[in-house]
N, C-alpha and C. Protein backbone atom coordinates (compact mmCIF):
# COMPACT_ATOMS: atom_id res chain seq x y z
N MET A 1 -17.88 14.23 -3.07
CA MET A 1 -17.46 12.92 -3.36
C MET A 1 -17.83 12.17 -1.81
N ALA A 2 -18.44 10.95 -2.06
CA ALA A 2 -18.73 10.13 -0.94
C ALA A 2 -18.06 8.58 -1.04
N LEU A 3 -17.44 8.35 0.21
CA LEU A 3 -16.80 7.06 0.27
C LEU A 3 -17.36 6.22 1.31
N ALA A 4 -17.58 4.84 1.09
CA ALA A 4 -17.97 3.80 2.06
C ALA A 4 -16.64 3.51 2.87
N VAL A 5 -16.63 3.62 4.03
CA VAL A 5 -15.44 3.34 4.89
C VAL A 5 -15.76 2.40 5.94
N PHE A 6 -14.59 1.49 6.18
CA PHE A 6 -14.69 0.42 7.05
C PHE A 6 -13.65 0.41 7.85
N ASP A 7 -13.68 0.03 9.04
CA ASP A 7 -12.62 -0.27 10.03
C ASP A 7 -12.58 -1.73 10.50
N ILE A 8 -11.82 -2.54 9.91
CA ILE A 8 -11.88 -4.18 10.21
C ILE A 8 -11.28 -4.31 11.57
N GLY A 9 -11.82 -4.67 12.55
CA GLY A 9 -11.36 -5.17 13.85
C GLY A 9 -11.30 -6.30 14.26
N GLY A 10 -10.73 -6.79 15.48
CA GLY A 10 -10.82 -8.27 15.93
C GLY A 10 -12.21 -8.55 16.46
N THR A 11 -13.04 -7.88 16.90
CA THR A 11 -14.35 -8.06 17.43
C THR A 11 -15.62 -7.32 16.47
N ALA A 12 -15.30 -6.35 15.80
CA ALA A 12 -16.11 -5.65 15.00
C ALA A 12 -15.61 -4.98 13.90
N VAL A 13 -16.51 -4.83 13.03
CA VAL A 13 -16.17 -3.96 11.77
C VAL A 13 -17.17 -2.63 11.85
N LYS A 14 -16.55 -1.57 11.88
CA LYS A 14 -17.39 -0.44 12.15
C LYS A 14 -17.31 0.22 10.66
N TYR A 15 -18.24 0.97 10.23
CA TYR A 15 -18.37 1.57 8.80
C TYR A 15 -19.20 2.68 8.93
N GLY A 16 -19.46 3.44 7.87
CA GLY A 16 -19.85 4.66 7.83
C GLY A 16 -19.85 5.26 6.33
N ILE A 17 -20.27 6.59 6.04
CA ILE A 17 -20.00 7.22 4.88
C ILE A 17 -19.36 8.57 5.09
N TRP A 18 -18.30 8.71 4.47
CA TRP A 18 -17.29 9.81 4.50
C TRP A 18 -17.71 10.67 3.53
N SER A 19 -18.32 12.05 3.90
CA SER A 19 -18.78 12.81 2.70
C SER A 19 -18.69 14.31 3.52
N ASP A 20 -18.07 15.28 2.70
CA ASP A 20 -18.05 16.62 3.07
C ASP A 20 -17.15 16.87 4.48
N ASP A 21 -16.21 15.99 4.70
CA ASP A 21 -15.15 15.90 5.71
C ASP A 21 -15.82 15.32 6.87
N GLN A 22 -16.71 14.65 6.85
CA GLN A 22 -17.21 14.05 8.00
C GLN A 22 -17.88 12.70 7.75
N ILE A 23 -17.89 11.94 8.78
CA ILE A 23 -18.40 10.45 8.75
C ILE A 23 -20.00 10.58 9.19
N GLU A 24 -20.80 9.90 8.51
CA GLU A 24 -22.35 9.60 8.76
C GLU A 24 -22.67 8.23 8.61
N GLN A 25 -23.90 8.11 9.02
CA GLN A 25 -24.50 6.66 9.02
C GLN A 25 -23.45 5.43 9.74
N GLN A 26 -22.89 5.97 10.85
CA GLN A 26 -22.05 4.92 11.44
C GLN A 26 -22.82 3.78 12.22
N ASP A 27 -22.10 2.61 12.01
CA ASP A 27 -22.78 1.44 12.73
C ASP A 27 -21.63 0.34 12.63
N LYS A 28 -21.95 -0.70 13.14
CA LYS A 28 -20.92 -1.81 13.14
C LYS A 28 -21.85 -3.19 13.21
N PHE A 29 -20.90 -4.27 12.76
CA PHE A 29 -21.22 -5.38 12.82
C PHE A 29 -20.34 -6.43 13.41
N GLN A 30 -20.42 -7.48 13.99
CA GLN A 30 -19.37 -8.55 14.56
C GLN A 30 -18.62 -8.98 13.31
N THR A 31 -17.19 -9.09 13.59
CA THR A 31 -16.34 -9.60 12.50
C THR A 31 -16.54 -11.05 12.25
N PRO A 32 -16.92 -11.20 11.25
CA PRO A 32 -17.12 -12.75 10.87
C PRO A 32 -16.00 -13.63 10.95
N ASP A 33 -16.00 -15.01 11.09
CA ASP A 33 -15.32 -16.11 11.39
C ASP A 33 -14.35 -16.23 9.94
N ASN A 34 -14.82 -16.08 8.87
CA ASN A 34 -13.82 -16.50 7.61
C ASN A 34 -14.44 -15.24 6.77
N TRP A 35 -13.40 -15.28 5.64
CA TRP A 35 -13.21 -14.38 4.62
C TRP A 35 -14.68 -14.51 3.78
N GLU A 36 -15.17 -15.39 3.48
CA GLU A 36 -16.31 -15.69 2.71
C GLU A 36 -17.53 -14.86 3.36
N GLN A 37 -17.71 -15.20 4.63
CA GLN A 37 -18.79 -14.50 5.52
C GLN A 37 -18.43 -12.96 5.60
N MET A 38 -17.10 -12.43 5.60
CA MET A 38 -16.55 -11.18 5.69
C MET A 38 -17.19 -10.47 4.32
N LYS A 39 -16.95 -11.09 3.19
CA LYS A 39 -17.23 -10.62 1.70
C LYS A 39 -18.76 -10.51 1.69
N VAL A 40 -19.50 -11.28 2.18
CA VAL A 40 -21.14 -11.20 2.08
C VAL A 40 -21.46 -9.99 3.02
N GLU A 41 -21.00 -9.82 4.14
CA GLU A 41 -21.40 -8.83 5.03
C GLU A 41 -20.76 -7.50 4.50
N LEU A 42 -19.68 -7.47 3.87
CA LEU A 42 -19.25 -6.19 3.32
C LEU A 42 -20.03 -5.54 2.07
N SER A 43 -20.40 -6.67 1.37
CA SER A 43 -21.28 -6.18 0.22
C SER A 43 -22.63 -6.02 0.68
N ARG A 44 -22.99 -6.50 1.60
CA ARG A 44 -24.53 -6.21 2.14
C ARG A 44 -24.47 -4.59 2.65
N ILE A 45 -23.37 -4.39 3.36
CA ILE A 45 -23.43 -3.13 3.98
C ILE A 45 -23.01 -2.07 2.94
N PHE A 46 -22.09 -2.25 2.22
CA PHE A 46 -21.89 -1.26 0.92
C PHE A 46 -22.97 -0.98 0.36
N ASN A 47 -24.06 -1.85 -0.09
CA ASN A 47 -25.13 -1.61 -0.89
C ASN A 47 -26.10 -0.82 -0.02
N ALA A 48 -26.18 -1.28 1.35
CA ALA A 48 -27.26 -0.38 2.13
C ALA A 48 -26.90 1.04 2.49
N LEU A 49 -25.50 1.41 2.46
CA LEU A 49 -25.08 2.41 2.64
C LEU A 49 -25.21 3.32 1.19
N GLN A 50 -24.95 2.83 0.21
CA GLN A 50 -25.07 3.27 -1.04
C GLN A 50 -26.84 3.97 -1.12
N GLU A 51 -27.51 3.14 -0.66
CA GLU A 51 -29.04 3.43 -0.66
C GLU A 51 -29.22 4.82 0.27
N LYS A 52 -28.47 4.92 1.17
CA LYS A 52 -28.63 5.96 2.18
C LYS A 52 -27.98 7.57 1.78
N THR A 53 -27.28 7.35 0.56
CA THR A 53 -26.80 8.82 0.22
C THR A 53 -27.32 8.99 -1.35
N THR A 54 -27.34 10.25 -1.57
CA THR A 54 -27.61 10.72 -2.95
C THR A 54 -26.33 10.53 -3.78
N GLU A 55 -25.09 10.62 -3.35
CA GLU A 55 -24.14 10.55 -4.03
C GLU A 55 -23.54 9.09 -4.44
N LYS A 56 -23.25 8.77 -5.48
CA LYS A 56 -22.61 7.44 -5.87
C LYS A 56 -21.21 7.31 -5.29
N PHE A 57 -20.94 6.24 -4.61
CA PHE A 57 -19.64 6.24 -4.07
C PHE A 57 -18.67 6.32 -4.96
N SER A 58 -17.56 7.16 -4.99
CA SER A 58 -16.39 7.17 -5.64
C SER A 58 -15.39 6.03 -5.38
N GLY A 59 -15.47 5.36 -4.19
CA GLY A 59 -14.51 4.28 -3.81
C GLY A 59 -15.04 3.89 -2.30
N ALA A 60 -14.07 3.12 -1.80
CA ALA A 60 -14.13 2.59 -0.38
C ALA A 60 -12.80 2.64 0.31
N ALA A 61 -12.85 2.91 1.61
CA ALA A 61 -11.72 2.72 2.12
C ALA A 61 -11.49 1.92 3.33
N PHE A 62 -10.57 1.18 3.57
CA PHE A 62 -10.37 0.16 4.63
C PHE A 62 -9.30 0.34 5.54
N SER A 63 -9.59 0.39 6.79
CA SER A 63 -8.53 0.47 7.86
C SER A 63 -8.33 -1.00 8.32
N CYS A 64 -7.27 -1.59 8.44
CA CYS A 64 -7.22 -3.04 8.60
C CYS A 64 -5.84 -3.14 9.63
N PRO A 65 -5.96 -4.32 10.23
CA PRO A 65 -4.80 -4.58 11.23
C PRO A 65 -3.76 -5.36 10.36
N GLY A 66 -2.56 -5.53 10.68
CA GLY A 66 -1.48 -6.00 10.37
C GLY A 66 -0.52 -5.07 9.47
N ALA A 67 0.41 -5.61 8.88
CA ALA A 67 1.19 -4.79 7.96
C ALA A 67 0.69 -4.70 6.73
N VAL A 68 -0.02 -3.65 6.49
CA VAL A 68 -0.77 -3.48 5.20
C VAL A 68 0.16 -2.69 4.15
N ASP A 69 0.63 -3.49 3.00
CA ASP A 69 1.22 -2.86 1.97
C ASP A 69 0.26 -2.26 0.99
N SER A 70 -0.04 -1.08 1.15
CA SER A 70 -1.20 -0.50 0.34
C SER A 70 -0.80 -0.33 -1.18
N GLU A 71 0.59 -0.38 -1.44
CA GLU A 71 1.01 -0.26 -2.85
C GLU A 71 0.73 -1.70 -3.59
N ALA A 72 0.95 -2.91 -2.69
CA ALA A 72 0.69 -4.26 -3.31
C ALA A 72 -0.65 -4.51 -3.18
N GLY A 73 -1.36 -4.11 -2.36
CA GLY A 73 -2.80 -4.59 -2.20
C GLY A 73 -2.87 -5.74 -1.25
N VAL A 74 -1.78 -5.95 -0.27
CA VAL A 74 -1.85 -7.22 0.46
C VAL A 74 -1.55 -6.76 1.93
N ILE A 75 -2.11 -7.51 2.87
CA ILE A 75 -1.88 -7.48 4.39
C ILE A 75 -0.93 -8.57 4.74
N ASN A 76 0.24 -8.20 5.16
CA ASN A 76 1.10 -9.14 5.70
C ASN A 76 1.05 -9.20 7.14
N GLY A 77 2.02 -9.93 7.93
CA GLY A 77 2.06 -10.14 9.23
C GLY A 77 0.74 -10.86 9.79
N PHE A 78 0.49 -10.45 11.03
CA PHE A 78 -0.28 -11.22 11.76
C PHE A 78 -1.36 -10.27 12.43
N SER A 79 -2.65 -11.08 12.79
CA SER A 79 -3.46 -10.08 13.67
C SER A 79 -4.72 -10.70 14.05
N ALA A 80 -5.50 -10.20 14.79
CA ALA A 80 -6.75 -10.89 15.34
C ALA A 80 -7.76 -11.25 14.32
N VAL A 81 -7.32 -10.87 13.07
CA VAL A 81 -8.42 -11.18 11.93
C VAL A 81 -7.51 -12.01 10.91
N PRO A 82 -6.97 -13.18 11.13
CA PRO A 82 -5.72 -13.85 10.18
C PRO A 82 -6.30 -14.23 8.79
N TYR A 83 -7.70 -14.24 8.44
CA TYR A 83 -7.95 -14.54 7.00
C TYR A 83 -7.78 -13.27 6.11
N ILE A 84 -7.42 -12.21 6.59
CA ILE A 84 -7.26 -11.20 5.67
C ILE A 84 -5.70 -10.96 5.35
N HIS A 85 -5.04 -11.72 5.72
CA HIS A 85 -3.71 -11.84 5.41
C HIS A 85 -3.28 -12.63 4.15
N ASN A 86 -2.14 -12.23 3.56
CA ASN A 86 -1.67 -12.79 2.49
C ASN A 86 -2.49 -13.27 1.33
N ILE A 87 -3.59 -12.56 1.16
CA ILE A 87 -4.28 -12.81 -0.12
C ILE A 87 -4.43 -11.37 -0.82
N PRO A 88 -4.81 -11.16 -1.98
CA PRO A 88 -4.88 -10.11 -2.76
C PRO A 88 -6.14 -9.43 -2.47
N ILE A 89 -6.22 -9.00 -1.16
CA ILE A 89 -7.26 -8.26 -0.58
C ILE A 89 -7.86 -6.99 -1.38
N GLN A 90 -7.02 -6.29 -1.73
CA GLN A 90 -7.20 -5.03 -2.25
C GLN A 90 -8.15 -5.40 -3.67
N THR A 91 -7.42 -6.25 -4.36
CA THR A 91 -8.09 -6.75 -5.79
C THR A 91 -9.69 -7.25 -5.35
N GLU A 92 -9.49 -8.39 -4.57
CA GLU A 92 -10.93 -8.87 -4.27
C GLU A 92 -11.90 -8.08 -3.77
N LEU A 93 -11.54 -6.92 -2.84
CA LEU A 93 -12.57 -5.93 -2.62
C LEU A 93 -13.13 -4.99 -3.68
N THR A 94 -12.15 -4.66 -4.57
CA THR A 94 -12.45 -3.99 -5.52
C THR A 94 -13.50 -4.54 -6.64
N GLU A 95 -13.12 -5.93 -6.90
CA GLU A 95 -14.12 -6.68 -7.59
C GLU A 95 -15.27 -6.68 -6.98
N LEU A 96 -15.44 -7.19 -5.62
CA LEU A 96 -16.56 -7.25 -4.84
C LEU A 96 -17.53 -6.10 -4.88
N LEU A 97 -16.82 -4.83 -4.60
CA LEU A 97 -17.58 -3.70 -4.60
C LEU A 97 -17.99 -2.73 -5.91
N GLY A 98 -16.87 -2.94 -6.88
CA GLY A 98 -17.32 -2.41 -7.96
C GLY A 98 -16.66 -0.86 -8.01
N VAL A 99 -15.94 -0.51 -6.88
CA VAL A 99 -15.35 0.82 -6.83
C VAL A 99 -13.77 0.61 -6.44
N PRO A 100 -13.24 1.63 -6.87
CA PRO A 100 -11.85 1.62 -6.28
C PRO A 100 -11.60 1.58 -4.74
N VAL A 101 -10.71 0.74 -4.25
CA VAL A 101 -10.55 0.43 -2.84
C VAL A 101 -9.26 0.84 -2.30
N SER A 102 -9.06 1.49 -1.55
CA SER A 102 -7.68 1.83 -0.75
C SER A 102 -7.94 0.83 0.57
N ILE A 103 -6.55 0.54 1.11
CA ILE A 103 -6.30 -0.16 2.51
C ILE A 103 -5.14 0.40 3.20
N GLU A 104 -5.29 0.50 4.46
CA GLU A 104 -4.00 1.13 5.22
C GLU A 104 -4.30 0.40 6.43
N ASN A 105 -3.21 0.40 7.28
CA ASN A 105 -3.04 -0.20 8.63
C ASN A 105 -4.03 0.70 9.66
N ASP A 106 -4.65 0.08 10.50
CA ASP A 106 -5.55 0.78 11.22
C ASP A 106 -4.98 1.84 12.26
N ALA A 107 -3.91 1.63 12.79
CA ALA A 107 -3.14 2.52 13.67
C ALA A 107 -2.62 3.75 12.72
N ASN A 108 -2.22 3.52 11.53
CA ASN A 108 -1.74 4.54 10.54
C ASN A 108 -2.90 5.45 10.10
N CYS A 109 -4.20 4.75 10.01
CA CYS A 109 -5.37 5.51 9.75
C CYS A 109 -5.75 6.53 10.62
N ALA A 110 -5.62 6.10 11.94
CA ALA A 110 -5.79 6.79 13.16
C ALA A 110 -5.14 7.97 13.38
N ALA A 111 -3.70 7.82 13.07
CA ALA A 111 -2.91 8.85 13.07
C ALA A 111 -3.00 9.93 12.08
N LEU A 112 -3.30 9.27 10.71
CA LEU A 112 -3.45 10.46 9.65
C LEU A 112 -4.73 11.31 9.98
N ALA A 113 -5.78 10.54 10.54
CA ALA A 113 -6.90 11.24 10.91
C ALA A 113 -6.84 12.47 12.10
N GLU A 114 -6.02 12.08 13.08
CA GLU A 114 -5.59 12.97 14.16
C GLU A 114 -4.64 14.15 13.63
N VAL A 115 -3.87 13.77 12.49
CA VAL A 115 -3.06 14.93 12.03
C VAL A 115 -4.01 15.68 11.07
N ALA A 116 -4.98 15.19 10.48
CA ALA A 116 -5.71 16.08 9.60
C ALA A 116 -6.88 16.92 10.14
N TYR A 117 -7.32 16.01 11.21
CA TYR A 117 -8.65 16.68 11.76
C TYR A 117 -8.78 16.79 13.31
N GLY A 118 -7.73 16.11 14.05
CA GLY A 118 -7.65 15.97 15.48
C GLY A 118 -6.98 16.70 16.34
N ALA A 119 -6.27 15.76 17.23
CA ALA A 119 -5.40 16.46 18.46
C ALA A 119 -4.04 16.79 17.78
N ALA A 120 -3.68 16.03 16.73
CA ALA A 120 -2.20 16.46 16.12
C ALA A 120 -2.22 17.42 15.06
N ARG A 121 -3.46 18.24 14.94
CA ARG A 121 -3.26 19.21 13.85
C ARG A 121 -2.32 20.22 13.75
N ASP A 122 -2.03 20.53 14.98
CA ASP A 122 -0.93 21.62 15.31
C ASP A 122 0.29 21.33 15.73
N VAL A 123 0.53 19.99 15.40
CA VAL A 123 2.12 19.47 15.75
C VAL A 123 2.82 18.87 14.67
N ASP A 124 4.03 18.78 14.49
CA ASP A 124 4.71 18.19 13.30
C ASP A 124 5.29 16.63 13.54
N ASN A 125 5.53 16.41 14.87
CA ASN A 125 5.80 15.21 15.38
C ASN A 125 4.84 14.49 16.30
N ALA A 126 4.53 13.21 15.96
CA ALA A 126 3.51 12.33 17.16
C ALA A 126 3.94 10.98 17.05
N LEU A 127 3.68 10.47 18.19
CA LEU A 127 3.66 9.08 18.20
C LEU A 127 2.16 8.61 18.86
N PHE A 128 1.57 7.72 18.12
CA PHE A 128 0.16 7.16 18.49
C PHE A 128 0.27 5.79 18.69
N ILE A 129 -0.72 5.67 20.01
CA ILE A 129 -0.92 4.22 20.54
C ILE A 129 -2.41 4.07 20.15
N VAL A 130 -2.75 2.91 19.65
CA VAL A 130 -3.98 2.55 19.50
C VAL A 130 -4.25 1.07 20.11
N ILE A 131 -5.21 1.08 21.05
CA ILE A 131 -5.44 -0.08 21.90
C ILE A 131 -6.94 -0.56 21.64
N GLY A 132 -7.22 -1.89 21.05
CA GLY A 132 -8.26 -2.42 20.74
C GLY A 132 -8.30 -3.87 20.95
N SER A 133 -8.66 -4.78 20.09
CA SER A 133 -8.42 -5.93 20.08
C SER A 133 -6.83 -6.33 20.45
N GLY A 134 -6.21 -5.68 19.68
CA GLY A 134 -4.70 -5.76 19.81
C GLY A 134 -4.20 -4.17 20.20
N ILE A 135 -2.85 -4.11 20.19
CA ILE A 135 -2.23 -2.87 20.48
C ILE A 135 -1.35 -2.48 19.12
N GLY A 136 -1.57 -1.22 18.66
CA GLY A 136 -0.60 -0.86 17.45
C GLY A 136 -0.26 0.59 17.67
N GLY A 137 0.58 0.87 16.62
CA GLY A 137 1.09 2.51 17.02
C GLY A 137 1.43 3.09 15.57
N ALA A 138 1.69 4.09 15.62
CA ALA A 138 2.00 4.93 14.26
C ALA A 138 2.91 6.03 14.90
N VAL A 139 3.65 6.37 13.82
CA VAL A 139 4.67 7.35 14.12
C VAL A 139 4.52 8.39 12.98
N ILE A 140 4.52 9.86 13.14
CA ILE A 140 4.19 10.84 12.41
C ILE A 140 5.51 12.01 12.61
N ILE A 141 6.25 12.00 11.50
CA ILE A 141 7.46 12.94 11.59
C ILE A 141 7.33 14.13 10.48
N ASN A 142 7.36 15.12 10.67
CA ASN A 142 7.33 16.42 9.87
C ASN A 142 5.79 16.32 9.17
N LYS A 143 4.85 15.85 9.96
CA LYS A 143 3.23 15.65 9.32
C LYS A 143 3.34 14.64 8.35
N GLU A 144 4.27 13.65 8.32
CA GLU A 144 4.15 12.58 7.31
C GLU A 144 4.44 11.18 8.03
N LEU A 145 3.62 10.21 7.57
CA LEU A 145 3.58 8.79 8.38
C LEU A 145 4.79 8.12 7.94
N ILE A 146 5.34 7.68 8.89
CA ILE A 146 6.61 6.78 8.87
C ILE A 146 6.11 5.33 8.64
N LYS A 147 6.23 4.72 7.78
CA LYS A 147 5.92 3.26 7.82
C LYS A 147 6.87 2.30 7.82
N GLY A 148 8.25 2.72 7.81
CA GLY A 148 9.30 1.96 7.98
C GLY A 148 9.57 1.05 6.88
N LYS A 149 10.70 0.52 6.91
CA LYS A 149 11.40 -0.51 5.87
C LYS A 149 10.31 -1.69 5.47
N ASN A 150 9.91 -2.39 6.59
CA ASN A 150 9.04 -3.46 6.38
C ASN A 150 7.58 -3.29 6.95
N LEU A 151 7.25 -2.17 6.88
CA LEU A 151 5.95 -1.67 7.15
C LEU A 151 5.42 -1.87 8.73
N PHE A 152 6.63 -1.82 9.56
CA PHE A 152 6.41 -1.89 10.87
C PHE A 152 6.66 -0.69 11.69
N GLY A 153 6.76 0.58 11.09
CA GLY A 153 7.00 1.72 11.86
C GLY A 153 5.90 1.94 12.78
N GLY A 154 6.34 1.98 13.88
CA GLY A 154 5.39 2.22 15.12
C GLY A 154 4.69 1.26 15.67
N GLU A 155 4.71 -0.03 15.02
CA GLU A 155 4.15 -1.29 15.38
C GLU A 155 4.82 -1.91 16.43
N PHE A 156 4.39 -1.66 17.51
CA PHE A 156 5.14 -2.56 18.89
C PHE A 156 4.20 -3.45 19.74
N GLY A 157 2.99 -3.52 19.07
CA GLY A 157 2.00 -4.36 19.76
C GLY A 157 1.92 -5.78 19.63
N PHE A 158 2.80 -6.29 18.62
CA PHE A 158 2.87 -7.84 18.47
C PHE A 158 4.49 -8.10 18.31
N MET A 159 4.85 -8.25 19.68
CA MET A 159 6.31 -8.62 19.86
C MET A 159 6.39 -9.89 20.41
N LEU A 160 7.62 -10.56 19.94
CA LEU A 160 8.03 -11.90 20.69
C LEU A 160 9.10 -11.63 21.37
N LEU A 161 8.99 -12.06 22.82
CA LEU A 161 9.77 -11.70 24.01
C LEU A 161 10.30 -12.84 24.58
N GLU A 162 11.54 -13.08 25.01
CA GLU A 162 12.05 -13.99 25.72
C GLU A 162 12.14 -13.55 27.14
N GLY A 163 11.83 -14.30 27.95
CA GLY A 163 11.89 -13.83 29.34
C GLY A 163 12.23 -14.93 30.47
């Protein structure tokens, strides 16, 4: 099984091919200024990646900033990439790429990867801090991701403070 994988960030979109429990063909492009440009780039990269593997992609996975509602296929909240919020992003990406698409919060993806393959393999509970264009976090309890009632479990990077 091969997947096209993308990590949408405030300054760059990183991508690669996930196959046999490893990522290959990694590269990145500058985050576009709008959704239409983003879709053009994602389609172009998806097709270029598909040409680099003998396996047909069974899907695409996206790591995204914001309050990602993976069940509804929508990103709520705010981030450094405002145009990906409050649109039917999962549906649009599925139609664009022609394969099933999954979406999840970027900090949650990092935490799940560490639990499965990295530094948190041997622990049950962990707190993750992700620092990039923004600051995010994720909470793992009993090896399970805690998203919270409003999808902000572990998210302390976008706070309004009075001073």
